Amino acid sequence: MRSRTSESFIVLPLLPIFLLGVFPILLLSLMGPAGLIILGILIVCAGFTDILEANTSFSEQLIVHGYARPTERAGQRLALRSEMRFAALMIIAGAGLAVAGVAGLAFA
């Protein structure tokens, strides 16, 4: 006998991926290259926000904990550099999207 459970529960884990992808696809399809520019600007702003948060966290660690051992300072600097590296990649990707949008507007 067949069970009464629905096969649609198989695709339930894919729902978050779908929900994350709906916004950029709708933005691109409804606004065209201007949507790419807006998405690029949003990603650049998120990258700058990450850089500011990383610097704030690093400064807070220095102020609150004061003088730390060299190994602790090295760990804090490493965390700051890795966060800033990821944020720089976000800024580059956002700028690339914005440039692609501008090129799309220029050639359309």
PDB file of N, CA and C in Angstrom:
ATOM      1  N   MET A   1       0.824  -1.180   0.000  1.00  0.00           N
ATOM      2  CA  MET A   1       0.000   0.000   0.000  1.00  0.00           C
ATOM      3  C   MET A   1       0.869   1.245   0.000  1.00  0.00           C
ATOM      4  N   ARG A   2       0.345   2.255  -0.602  1.00  0.00           N
ATOM      5  CA  ARG A   2       1.063   3.529  -0.641  1.00  0.00           C
ATOM      6  C   ARG A   2       0.824   4.303   0.641  1.00  0.00           C
ATOM      7  N   SER A   3       1.835   5.023   1.035  1.00  0.00           N
ATOM      8  CA  SER A   3       1.661   5.864   2.213  1.00  0.00           C
ATOM      9  C   SER A   3       0.939   7.143   1.818  1.00  0.00           C
ATOM     10  N   ARG A   4       0.363   7.785   2.774  1.00  0.00           N
ATOM     11  CA  ARG A   4      -0.422   8.986   2.515  1.00  0.00           C
ATOM     12  C   ARG A   4       0.424  10.266   2.547  1.00  0.00           C
ATOM     13  N   THR A   5       1.706  10.143   2.792  1.00  0.00           N
ATOM     14  CA  THR A   5       2.541  11.338   2.808  1.00  0.00           C
ATOM     15  C   THR A   5       2.769  11.836   1.387  1.00  0.00           C
ATOM     16  N   SER A   6       2.875  13.108   1.275  1.00  0.00           N
ATOM     17  CA  SER A   6       3.037  13.729  -0.031  1.00  0.00           C
ATOM     18  C   SER A   6       4.506  13.749  -0.438  1.00  0.00           C
ATOM     19  N   GLU A   7       4.738  13.658  -1.748  1.00  0.00           N
ATOM     20  CA  GLU A   7       6.108  13.723  -2.251  1.00  0.00           C
ATOM     21  C   GLU A   7       6.625  15.157  -2.290  1.00  0.00           C
ATOM     22  N   SER A   8       5.774  16.121  -2.048  1.00  0.00           N
ATOM     23  CA  SER A   8       6.222  17.512  -2.093  1.00  0.00           C
ATOM     24  C   SER A   8       7.138  17.864  -0.925  1.00  0.00           C
ATOM     25  N   PHE A   9       7.176  17.040   0.106  1.00  0.00           N
ATOM     26  CA  PHE A   9       8.086  17.301   1.226  1.00  0.00           C
ATOM     27  C   PHE A   9       9.537  17.082   0.826  1.00  0.00           C
ATOM     28  N   ILE A  10       9.764  16.448  -0.311  1.00  0.00           N
ATOM     29  CA  ILE A  10      11.131  16.215  -0.772  1.00  0.00           C
ATOM     30  C   ILE A  10      11.799  17.546  -1.135  1.00  0.00           C
ATOM     31  N   VAL A  11      11.038  18.471  -1.702  1.00  0.00           N
ATOM     32  CA  VAL A  11      11.604  19.746  -2.128  1.00  0.00           C
ATOM     33  C   VAL A  11      11.606  20.794  -1.025  1.00  0.00           C
ATOM     34  N   LEU A  12      11.111  20.470   0.144  1.00  0.00           N
ATOM     35  CA  LEU A  12      11.049  21.435   1.247  1.00  0.00           C
ATOM     36  C   LEU A  12      12.424  21.974   1.652  1.00  0.00           C
ATOM     37  N   PRO A  13      13.495  21.160   1.682  1.00  0.00           N
ATOM     38  CA  PRO A  13      14.810  21.737   2.027  1.00  0.00           C
ATOM     39  C   PRO A  13      15.318  22.750   1.009  1.00  0.00           C
ATOM     40  N   LEU A  14      14.780  22.757  -0.216  1.00  0.00           N
ATOM     41  CA  LEU A  14      15.224  23.709  -1.226  1.00  0.00           C
ATOM     42  C   LEU A  14      14.528  25.061  -1.114  1.00  0.00           C
ATOM     43  N   LEU A  15      13.552  25.180  -0.242  1.00  0.00           N
ATOM     44  CA  LEU A  15      12.799  26.421  -0.100  1.00  0.00           C
ATOM     45  C   LEU A  15      13.670  27.625   0.277  1.00  0.00           C
ATOM     46  N   PRO A  16      14.599  27.522   1.226  1.00  0.00           N
ATOM     47  CA  PRO A  16      15.430  28.705   1.535  1.00  0.00           C
ATOM     48  C   PRO A  16      16.266  29.171   0.348  1.00  0.00           C
ATOM     49  N   ILE A  17      16.772  28.241  -0.441  1.00  0.00           N
ATOM     50  CA  ILE A  17      17.549  28.624  -1.617  1.00  0.00           C
ATOM     51  C   ILE A  17      16.663  29.372  -2.600  1.00  0.00           C
ATOM     52  N   PHE A  18      15.447  28.891  -2.778  1.00  0.00           N
ATOM     53  CA  PHE A  18      14.504  29.557  -3.674  1.00  0.00           C
ATOM     54  C   PHE A  18      14.181  30.956  -3.176  1.00  0.00           C
ATOM     55  N   LEU A  19      13.927  31.099  -1.874  1.00  0.00           N
ATOM     56  CA  LEU A  19      13.561  32.400  -1.326  1.00  0.00           C
ATOM     57  C   LEU A  19      14.711  33.399  -1.432  1.00  0.00           C
ATOM     58  N   LEU A  20      15.951  32.918  -1.277  1.00  0.00           N
ATOM     59  CA  LEU A  20      17.098  33.818  -1.426  1.00  0.00           C
ATOM     60  C   LEU A  20      17.304  34.228  -2.880  1.00  0.00           C
ATOM     61  N   GLY A  21      16.967  33.368  -3.809  1.00  0.00           N
ATOM     62  CA  GLY A  21      17.197  33.661  -5.208  1.00  0.00           C
ATOM     63  C   GLY A  21      16.083  34.432  -5.883  1.00  0.00           C
ATOM     64  N   VAL A  22      14.929  34.539  -5.251  1.00  0.00           N
ATOM     65  CA  VAL A  22      13.794  35.216  -5.877  1.00  0.00           C
ATOM     66  C   VAL A  22      14.059  36.710  -6.054  1.00  0.00           C
ATOM     67  N   PHE A  23      14.621  37.355  -5.056  1.00  0.00           N
ATOM     68  CA  PHE A  23      14.821  38.803  -5.122  1.00  0.00           C
ATOM     69  C   PHE A  23      15.734  39.217  -6.277  1.00  0.00           C
ATOM     70  N   PRO A  24      16.934  38.629  -6.411  1.00  0.00           N
ATOM     71  CA  PRO A  24      17.777  39.062  -7.535  1.00  0.00           C
ATOM     72  C   PRO A  24      17.175  38.746  -8.901  1.00  0.00           C
ATOM     73  N   ILE A  25      16.510  37.620  -9.021  1.00  0.00           N
ATOM     74  CA  ILE A  25      15.931  37.261 -10.310  1.00  0.00           C
ATOM     75  C   ILE A  25      14.799  38.224 -10.660  1.00  0.00           C
ATOM     76  N   LEU A  26      13.946  38.534  -9.709  1.00  0.00           N
ATOM     77  CA  LEU A  26      12.872  39.489  -9.972  1.00  0.00           C
ATOM     78  C   LEU A  26      13.423  40.880 -10.258  1.00  0.00           C
ATOM     79  N   LEU A  27      14.445  41.262  -9.517  1.00  0.00           N
ATOM     80  CA  LEU A  27      15.054  42.569  -9.734  1.00  0.00           C
ATOM     81  C   LEU A  27      15.642  42.662 -11.134  1.00  0.00           C
ATOM     82  N   LEU A  28      16.317  41.607 -11.571  1.00  0.00           N
ATOM     83  CA  LEU A  28      16.921  41.616 -12.894  1.00  0.00           C
ATOM     84  C   LEU A  28      15.859  41.560 -13.986  1.00  0.00           C
ATOM     85  N   SER A  29      14.833  40.743 -13.790  1.00  0.00           N
ATOM     86  CA  SER A  29      13.837  40.606 -14.842  1.00  0.00           C
ATOM     87  C   SER A  29      12.917  41.820 -14.941  1.00  0.00           C
ATOM     88  N   LEU A  30      12.635  42.460 -13.826  1.00  0.00           N
ATOM     89  CA  LEU A  30      11.731  43.597 -13.864  1.00  0.00           C
ATOM     90  C   LEU A  30      12.439  44.909 -14.208  1.00  0.00           C
ATOM     91  N   MET A  31      13.685  45.035 -13.810  1.00  0.00           N
ATOM     92  CA  MET A  31      14.377  46.304 -14.007  1.00  0.00           C
ATOM     93  C   MET A  31      15.511  46.234 -15.011  1.00  0.00           C
ATOM     94  N   GLY A  32      15.917  45.056 -15.436  1.00  0.00           N
ATOM     95  CA  GLY A  32      16.975  44.909 -16.421  1.00  0.00           C
ATOM     96  C   GLY A  32      18.326  45.326 -15.876  1.00  0.00           C
ATOM     97  N   PRO A  33      19.117  46.006 -16.676  1.00  0.00           N
ATOM     98  CA  PRO A  33      20.455  46.401 -16.234  1.00  0.00           C
ATOM     99  C   PRO A  33      20.442  47.356 -15.033  1.00  0.00           C
ATOM    100  N   ALA A  34      19.397  48.153 -14.899  1.00  0.00           N
ATOM    101  CA  ALA A  34      19.309  49.041 -13.731  1.00  0.00           C
ATOM    102  C   ALA A  34      19.197  48.219 -12.448  1.00  0.00           C
ATOM    103  N   GLY A  35      18.560  47.063 -12.535  1.00  0.00           N
ATOM    104  CA  GLY A  35      18.484  46.168 -11.386  1.00  0.00           C
ATOM    105  C   GLY A  35      19.847  45.647 -10.989  1.00  0.00           C
ATOM    106  N   LEU A  36      20.693  45.378 -11.979  1.00  0.00           N
ATOM    107  CA  LEU A  36      22.063  44.962 -11.679  1.00  0.00           C
ATOM    108  C   LEU A  36      22.831  46.070 -10.966  1.00  0.00           C
ATOM    109  N   ILE A  37      22.617  47.291 -11.392  1.00  0.00           N
ATOM    110  CA  ILE A  37      23.295  48.421 -10.743  1.00  0.00           C
ATOM    111  C   ILE A  37      22.850  48.528  -9.289  1.00  0.00           C
ATOM    112  N   ILE A  38      21.546  48.432  -9.055  1.00  0.00           N
ATOM    113  CA  ILE A  38      21.029  48.527  -7.688  1.00  0.00           C
ATOM    114  C   ILE A  38      21.554  47.385  -6.830  1.00  0.00           C
ATOM    115  N   LEU A  39      21.545  46.159  -7.374  1.00  0.00           N
ATOM    116  CA  LEU A  39      22.058  45.011  -6.628  1.00  0.00           C
ATOM    117  C   LEU A  39      23.542  45.172  -6.332  1.00  0.00           C
ATOM    118  N   GLY A  40      24.311  45.691  -7.307  1.00  0.00           N
ATOM    119  CA  GLY A  40      25.731  45.934  -7.080  1.00  0.00           C
ATOM    120  C   GLY A  40      25.979  46.958  -5.993  1.00  0.00           C
ATOM    121  N   ILE A  41      25.190  48.018  -5.996  1.00  0.00           N
ATOM    122  CA  ILE A  41      25.330  49.048  -4.955  1.00  0.00           C
ATOM    123  C   ILE A  41      24.992  48.474  -3.585  1.00  0.00           C
ATOM    124  N   LEU A  42      23.970  47.642  -3.508  1.00  0.00           N
ATOM    125  CA  LEU A  42      23.607  47.020  -2.231  1.00  0.00           C
ATOM    126  C   LEU A  42      24.717  46.107  -1.723  1.00  0.00           C
ATOM    127  N   ILE A  43      25.353  45.356  -2.622  1.00  0.00           N
ATOM    128  CA  ILE A  43      26.435  44.464  -2.212  1.00  0.00           C
ATOM    129  C   ILE A  43      27.654  45.264  -1.778  1.00  0.00           C
ATOM    130  N   VAL A  44      27.951  46.361  -2.460  1.00  0.00           N
ATOM    131  CA  VAL A  44      29.060  47.224  -2.056  1.00  0.00           C
ATOM    132  C   VAL A  44      28.798  47.809  -0.668  1.00  0.00           C
ATOM    133  N   CYS A  45      27.573  48.245  -0.424  1.00  0.00           N
ATOM    134  CA  CYS A  45      27.224  48.787   0.902  1.00  0.00           C
ATOM    135  C   CYS A  45      27.360  47.720   1.985  1.00  0.00           C
ATOM    136  N   ALA A  46      26.976  46.492   1.673  1.00  0.00           N
ATOM    137  CA  ALA A  46      27.139  45.402   2.646  1.00  0.00           C
ATOM    138  C   ALA A  46      28.614  45.143   2.922  1.00  0.00           C
ATOM    139  N   GLY A  47      29.453  45.243   1.895  1.00  0.00           N
ATOM    140  CA  GLY A  47      30.890  45.072   2.092  1.00  0.00           C
ATOM    141  C   GLY A  47      31.486  46.155   2.975  1.00  0.00           C
ATOM    142  N   PHE A  48      31.098  47.399   2.733  1.00  0.00           N
ATOM    143  CA  PHE A  48      31.585  48.489   3.585  1.00  0.00           C
ATOM    144  C   PHE A  48      31.091  48.343   5.024  1.00  0.00           C
ATOM    145  N   THR A  49      29.869  47.863   5.191  1.00  0.00           N
ATOM    146  CA  THR A  49      29.343  47.627   6.534  1.00  0.00           C
ATOM    147  C   THR A  49      30.152  46.553   7.247  1.00  0.00           C
ATOM    148  N   ASP A  50      30.518  45.494   6.535  1.00  0.00           N
ATOM    149  CA  ASP A  50      31.341  44.447   7.140  1.00  0.00           C
ATOM    150  C   ASP A  50      32.711  44.980   7.559  1.00  0.00           C
ATOM    151  N   ILE A  51      33.296  45.838   6.736  1.00  0.00           N
ATOM    152  CA  ILE A  51      34.592  46.421   7.096  1.00  0.00           C
ATOM    153  C   ILE A  51      34.465  47.266   8.366  1.00  0.00           C
ATOM    154  N   LEU A  52      33.421  48.079   8.431  1.00  0.00           N
ATOM    155  CA  LEU A  52      33.228  48.915   9.621  1.00  0.00           C
ATOM    156  C   LEU A  52      32.981  48.072  10.862  1.00  0.00           C
ATOM    157  N   GLU A  53      32.203  46.992  10.730  1.00  0.00           N
ATOM    158  CA  GLU A  53      31.947  46.125  11.883  1.00  0.00           C
ATOM    159  C   GLU A  53      33.211  45.406  12.331  1.00  0.00           C
ATOM    160  N   ALA A  54      34.048  44.989  11.376  1.00  0.00           N
ATOM    161  CA  ALA A  54      35.301  44.327  11.734  1.00  0.00           C
ATOM    162  C   ALA A  54      36.223  45.286  12.480  1.00  0.00           C
ATOM    163  N   ASN A  55      36.333  46.527  11.999  1.00  0.00           N
ATOM    164  CA  ASN A  55      37.170  47.511  12.687  1.00  0.00           C
ATOM    165  C   ASN A  55      36.612  47.854  14.063  1.00  0.00           C
ATOM    166  N   THR A  56      35.284  47.929  14.167  1.00  0.00           N
ATOM    167  CA  THR A  56      34.666  48.207  15.463  1.00  0.00           C
ATOM    168  C   THR A  56      34.946  47.091  16.453  1.00  0.00           C
ATOM    169  N   SER A  57      34.821  45.857  15.992  1.00  0.00           N
ATOM    170  CA  SER A  57      35.077  44.716  16.867  1.00  0.00           C
ATOM    171  C   SER A  57      36.536  44.683  17.310  1.00  0.00           C
ATOM    172  N   PHE A  58      37.453  44.949  16.386  1.00  0.00           N
ATOM    173  CA  PHE A  58      38.872  44.960  16.726  1.00  0.00           C
ATOM    174  C   PHE A  58      39.182  46.055  17.736  1.00  0.00           C
ATOM    175  N   SER A  59      38.644  47.252  17.501  1.00  0.00           N
ATOM    176  CA  SER A  59      38.887  48.361  18.430  1.00  0.00           C
ATOM    177  C   SER A  59      38.271  48.084  19.794  1.00  0.00           C
ATOM    178  N   GLU A  60      37.103  47.472  19.802  1.00  0.00           N
ATOM    179  CA  GLU A  60      36.453  47.140  21.075  1.00  0.00           C
ATOM    180  C   GLU A  60      37.290  46.143  21.863  1.00  0.00           C
ATOM    181  N   GLN A  61      37.865  45.155  21.173  1.00  0.00           N
ATOM    182  CA  GLN A  61      38.722  44.189  21.857  1.00  0.00           C
ATOM    183  C   GLN A  61      39.938  44.887  22.467  1.00  0.00           C
ATOM    184  N   LEU A  62      40.511  45.839  21.742  1.00  0.00           N
ATOM    185  CA  LEU A  62      41.672  46.556  22.267  1.00  0.00           C
ATOM    186  C   LEU A  62      41.311  47.421  23.464  1.00  0.00           C
ATOM    187  N   ILE A  63      40.169  48.087  23.390  1.00  0.00           N
ATOM    188  CA  ILE A  63      39.777  49.000  24.464  1.00  0.00           C
ATOM    189  C   ILE A  63      39.341  48.243  25.702  1.00  0.00           C
ATOM    190  N   VAL A  64      38.526  47.216  25.522  1.00  0.00           N
ATOM    191  CA  VAL A  64      37.969  46.498  26.678  1.00  0.00           C
ATOM    192  C   VAL A  64      39.022  45.643  27.362  1.00  0.00           C
ATOM    193  N   HIS A  65      39.809  44.907  26.576  1.00  0.00           N
ATOM    194  CA  HIS A  65      40.754  43.974  27.173  1.00  0.00           C
ATOM    195  C   HIS A  65      42.133  44.581  27.383  1.00  0.00           C
ATOM    196  N   GLY A  66      42.352  45.756  26.844  1.00  0.00           N
ATOM    197  CA  GLY A  66      43.621  46.437  27.064  1.00  0.00           C
ATOM    198  C   GLY A  66      44.780  45.708  26.415  1.00  0.00           C
ATOM    199  N   TYR A  67      45.906  45.755  27.082  1.00  0.00           N
ATOM    200  CA  TYR A  67      47.117  45.152  26.541  1.00  0.00           C
ATOM    201  C   TYR A  67      46.985  43.639  26.607  1.00  0.00           C
ATOM    202  N   ALA A  68      47.127  42.997  25.480  1.00  0.00           N
ATOM    203  CA  ALA A  68      47.012  41.546  25.416  1.00  0.00           C
ATOM    204  C   ALA A  68      48.365  40.945  25.072  1.00  0.00           C
ATOM    205  N   ARG A  69      48.458  39.647  25.263  1.00  0.00           N
ATOM    206  CA  ARG A  69      49.690  38.947  24.907  1.00  0.00           C
ATOM    207  C   ARG A  69      49.855  38.983  23.384  1.00  0.00           C
ATOM    208  N   PRO A  70      51.078  38.853  22.917  1.00  0.00           N
ATOM    209  CA  PRO A  70      51.314  38.903  21.463  1.00  0.00           C
ATOM    210  C   PRO A  70      50.532  37.842  20.691  1.00  0.00           C
ATOM    211  N   THR A  71      50.333  36.671  21.268  1.00  0.00           N
ATOM    212  CA  THR A  71      49.581  35.635  20.561  1.00  0.00           C
ATOM    213  C   THR A  71      48.112  36.023  20.416  1.00  0.00           C
ATOM    214  N   GLU A  72      47.549  36.651  21.453  1.00  0.00           N
ATOM    215  CA  GLU A  72      46.157  37.099  21.370  1.00  0.00           C
ATOM    216  C   GLU A  72      46.014  38.233  20.362  1.00  0.00           C
ATOM    217  N   ARG A  73      46.968  39.152  20.366  1.00  0.00           N
ATOM    218  CA  ARG A  73      46.926  40.242  19.389  1.00  0.00           C
ATOM    219  C   ARG A  73      47.052  39.720  17.974  1.00  0.00           C
ATOM    220  N   ALA A  74      47.893  38.704  17.777  1.00  0.00           N
ATOM    221  CA  ALA A  74      48.050  38.115  16.447  1.00  0.00           C
ATOM    222  C   ALA A  74      46.746  37.459  15.997  1.00  0.00           C
ATOM    223  N   GLY A  75      46.065  36.809  16.908  1.00  0.00           N
ATOM    224  CA  GLY A  75      44.779  36.205  16.568  1.00  0.00           C
ATOM    225  C   GLY A  75      43.730  37.244  16.217  1.00  0.00           C
ATOM    226  N   GLN A  76      43.723  38.344  16.960  1.00  0.00           N
ATOM    227  CA  GLN A  76      42.772  39.418  16.665  1.00  0.00           C
ATOM    228  C   GLN A  76      43.073  40.064  15.315  1.00  0.00           C
ATOM    229  N   ARG A  77      44.373  40.277  15.016  1.00  0.00           N
ATOM    230  CA  ARG A  77      44.738  40.850  13.718  1.00  0.00           C
ATOM    231  C   ARG A  77      44.391  39.910  12.583  1.00  0.00           C
ATOM    232  N   LEU A  78      44.580  38.610  12.809  1.00  0.00           N
ATOM    233  CA  LEU A  78      44.241  37.631  11.778  1.00  0.00           C
ATOM    234  C   LEU A  78      42.742  37.628  11.499  1.00  0.00           C
ATOM    235  N   ALA A  79      41.939  37.705  12.556  1.00  0.00           N
ATOM    236  CA  ALA A  79      40.487  37.758  12.374  1.00  0.00           C
ATOM    237  C   ALA A  79      40.069  39.026  11.636  1.00  0.00           C
ATOM    238  N   LEU A  80      40.704  40.152  11.984  1.00  0.00           N
ATOM    239  CA  LEU A  80      40.402  41.412  11.301  1.00  0.00           C
ATOM    240  C   LEU A  80      40.761  41.337   9.819  1.00  0.00           C
ATOM    241  N   ARG A  81      41.928  40.801   9.513  1.00  0.00           N
ATOM    242  CA  ARG A  81      42.348  40.705   8.112  1.00  0.00           C
ATOM    243  C   ARG A  81      41.448  39.777   7.306  1.00  0.00           C
ATOM    244  N   SER A  82      41.050  38.653   7.902  1.00  0.00           N
ATOM    245  CA  SER A  82      40.200  37.725   7.148  1.00  0.00           C
ATOM    246  C   SER A  82      38.822  38.327   6.896  1.00  0.00           C
ATOM    247  N   GLU A  83      38.276  39.045   7.871  1.00  0.00           N
ATOM    248  CA  GLU A  83      36.984  39.698   7.666  1.00  0.00           C
ATOM    249  C   GLU A  83      37.092  40.804   6.620  1.00  0.00           C
ATOM    250  N   MET A  84      38.185  41.548   6.655  1.00  0.00           N
ATOM    251  CA  MET A  84      38.349  42.623   5.673  1.00  0.00           C
ATOM    252  C   MET A  84      38.602  42.076   4.269  1.00  0.00           C
ATOM    253  N   ARG A  85      39.268  40.924   4.173  1.00  0.00           N
ATOM    254  CA  ARG A  85      39.499  40.306   2.872  1.00  0.00           C
ATOM    255  C   ARG A  85      38.174  39.868   2.244  1.00  0.00           C
ATOM    256  N   PHE A  86      37.306  39.248   3.054  1.00  0.00           N
ATOM    257  CA  PHE A  86      35.998  38.832   2.539  1.00  0.00           C
ATOM    258  C   PHE A  86      35.158  40.044   2.146  1.00  0.00           C
ATOM    259  N   ALA A  87      35.212  41.094   2.956  1.00  0.00           N
ATOM    260  CA  ALA A  87      34.459  42.309   2.634  1.00  0.00           C
ATOM    261  C   ALA A  87      34.987  42.953   1.357  1.00  0.00           C
ATOM    262  N   ALA A  88      36.291  42.901   1.144  1.00  0.00           N
ATOM    263  CA  ALA A  88      36.855  43.457  -0.089  1.00  0.00           C
ATOM    264  C   ALA A  88      36.380  42.662  -1.303  1.00  0.00           C
ATOM    265  N   LEU A  89      36.256  41.359  -1.163  1.00  0.00           N
ATOM    266  CA  LEU A  89      35.714  40.549  -2.257  1.00  0.00           C
ATOM    267  C   LEU A  89      34.259  40.913  -2.550  1.00  0.00           C
ATOM    268  N   MET A  90      33.495  41.191  -1.496  1.00  0.00           N
ATOM    269  CA  MET A  90      32.112  41.621  -1.699  1.00  0.00           C
ATOM    270  C   MET A  90      32.063  42.955  -2.430  1.00  0.00           C
ATOM    271  N   ILE A  91      32.944  43.872  -2.068  1.00  0.00           N
ATOM    272  CA  ILE A  91      32.976  45.183  -2.720  1.00  0.00           C
ATOM    273  C   ILE A  91      33.355  45.026  -4.193  1.00  0.00           C
ATOM    274  N   ILE A  92      34.323  44.168  -4.474  1.00  0.00           N
ATOM    275  CA  ILE A  92      34.729  43.946  -5.866  1.00  0.00           C
ATOM    276  C   ILE A  92      33.591  43.317  -6.665  1.00  0.00           C
ATOM    277  N   ALA A  93      32.897  42.343  -6.075  1.00  0.00           N
ATOM    278  CA  ALA A  93      31.785  41.705  -6.773  1.00  0.00           C
ATOM    279  C   ALA A  93      30.647  42.695  -7.017  1.00  0.00           C
ATOM    280  N   GLY A  94      30.347  43.522  -6.029  1.00  0.00           N
ATOM    281  CA  GLY A  94      29.308  44.531  -6.200  1.00  0.00           C
ATOM    282  C   GLY A  94      29.668  45.554  -7.253  1.00  0.00           C
ATOM    283  N   ALA A  95      30.934  45.966  -7.270  1.00  0.00           N
ATOM    284  CA  ALA A  95      31.368  46.917  -8.285  1.00  0.00           C
ATOM    285  C   ALA A  95      31.310  46.285  -9.672  1.00  0.00           C
ATOM    286  N   GLY A  96      31.634  45.009  -9.761  1.00  0.00           N
ATOM    287  CA  GLY A  96      31.529  44.314 -11.040  1.00  0.00           C
ATOM    288  C   GLY A  96      30.092  44.245 -11.535  1.00  0.00           C
ATOM    289  N   LEU A  97      29.161  43.984 -10.620  1.00  0.00           N
ATOM    290  CA  LEU A  97      27.750  43.975 -11.011  1.00  0.00           C
ATOM    291  C   LEU A  97      27.300  45.359 -11.470  1.00  0.00           C
ATOM    292  N   ALA A  98      27.742  46.385 -10.763  1.00  0.00           N
ATOM    293  CA  ALA A  98      27.352  47.744 -11.145  1.00  0.00           C
ATOM    294  C   ALA A  98      27.938  48.110 -12.507  1.00  0.00           C
ATOM    295  N   VAL A  99      29.183  47.722 -12.759  1.00  0.00           N
ATOM    296  CA  VAL A  99      29.791  48.002 -14.058  1.00  0.00           C
ATOM    297  C   VAL A  99      29.080  47.234 -15.154  1.00  0.00           C
ATOM    298  N   ALA A 100      28.704  45.982 -14.878  1.00  0.00           N
ATOM    299  CA  ALA A 100      27.963  45.204 -15.878  1.00  0.00           C
ATOM    300  C   ALA A 100      26.607  45.834 -16.157  1.00  0.00           C
ATOM    301  N   GLY A 101      25.976  46.371 -15.119  1.00  0.00           N
ATOM    302  CA  GLY A 101      24.696  47.063 -15.326  1.00  0.00           C
ATOM    303  C   GLY A 101      24.844  48.326 -16.147  1.00  0.00           C
ATOM    304  N   VAL A 102      25.901  49.087 -15.875  1.00  0.00           N
ATOM    305  CA  VAL A 102      26.142  50.302 -16.654  1.00  0.00           C
ATOM    306  C   VAL A 102      26.439  49.950 -18.102  1.00  0.00           C
ATOM    307  N   ALA A 103      27.229  48.888 -18.314  1.00  0.00           N
ATOM    308  CA  ALA A 103      27.513  48.452 -19.681  1.00  0.00           C
ATOM    309  C   ALA A 103      26.238  47.976 -20.372  1.00  0.00           C
ATOM    310  N   GLY A 104      25.382  47.319 -19.622  1.00  0.00           N
ATOM    311  CA  GLY A 104      24.114  46.879 -20.188  1.00  0.00           C
ATOM    312  C   GLY A 104      23.234  48.050 -20.579  1.00  0.00           C
ATOM    313  N   LEU A 105      23.230  49.099 -19.770  1.00  0.00           N
ATOM    314  CA  LEU A 105      22.461  50.289 -20.116  1.00  0.00           C
ATOM    315  C   LEU A 105      23.069  51.020 -21.319  1.00  0.00           C
ATOM    316  N   ALA A 106      24.375  50.998 -21.399  1.00  0.00           N
ATOM    317  CA  ALA A 106      25.038  51.715 -22.493  1.00  0.00           C
ATOM    318  C   ALA A 106      24.837  51.013 -23.831  1.00  0.00           C
ATOM    319  N   PHE A 107      24.838  49.695 -23.822  1.00  0.00           N
ATOM    320  CA  PHE A 107      24.728  48.953 -25.067  1.00  0.00           C
ATOM    321  C   PHE A 107      23.304  48.544 -25.412  1.00  0.00           C
ATOM    322  N   ALA A 108      22.346  48.802 -24.534  1.00  0.00           N
ATOM    323  CA  ALA A 108      20.960  48.395 -24.810  1.00  0.00           C
ATOM    324  C   ALA A 108      20.214  49.449 -25.593  1.00  0.00           C
TER     325      ALA A 108
END
